[in-house]
C-alpha cells in the first residue's frame, strides 16, 4: 500500500470513523472506499477519484485542499518513477499494429476518389432539377 492512501486510512482510523459511516455520508460504495484505502487508484476515472478523495478527507476531518495537494504531489511522484520501475508495475498492453499518418491520409484520399463519381452525378442531378424547376 502506498503512503498517501495509507495516510487516509490512518486518519480515518484515528478519528474512529468506519468505512460504513463514510459510505453513508458520501454515498460512495464500500467497495470503492476499500479500493481507495488499498491504493487502487484505477477503479474509477481520475475526476471521480479526486472527488471521492475530497469527500473522504472532509468526513474524516482532514483539510480538503491540503489533502488534494498531497494527492497531487503523490501523483507527480508516481509519474516520475524510472522506466524500469514503471515497467514492473504496469502490464504491457497487447501489441497493436501502428498506422502511419501517411497511410491514414492515403485511405481518406482513396475514399474521396471513390466517392467523386457519385458526388459528380449527384451534382449534375441537382443542376438538372434546378433547370427543370425554372
Foldseek 3Di string as FASTA:
>chain_A
DDDLLCVLVVLQVVLVHDLVNLCVVPVDDSVVNVCSSVVNPPPDDPVVSLVSQLSSCVVSVHHSVVSVVVVVVVVVVVVPDDPVVVPVVDPDDDDDDDDDPVNVVVVVVVVVVVCVVVVVVVVVVVVVVVVVVD
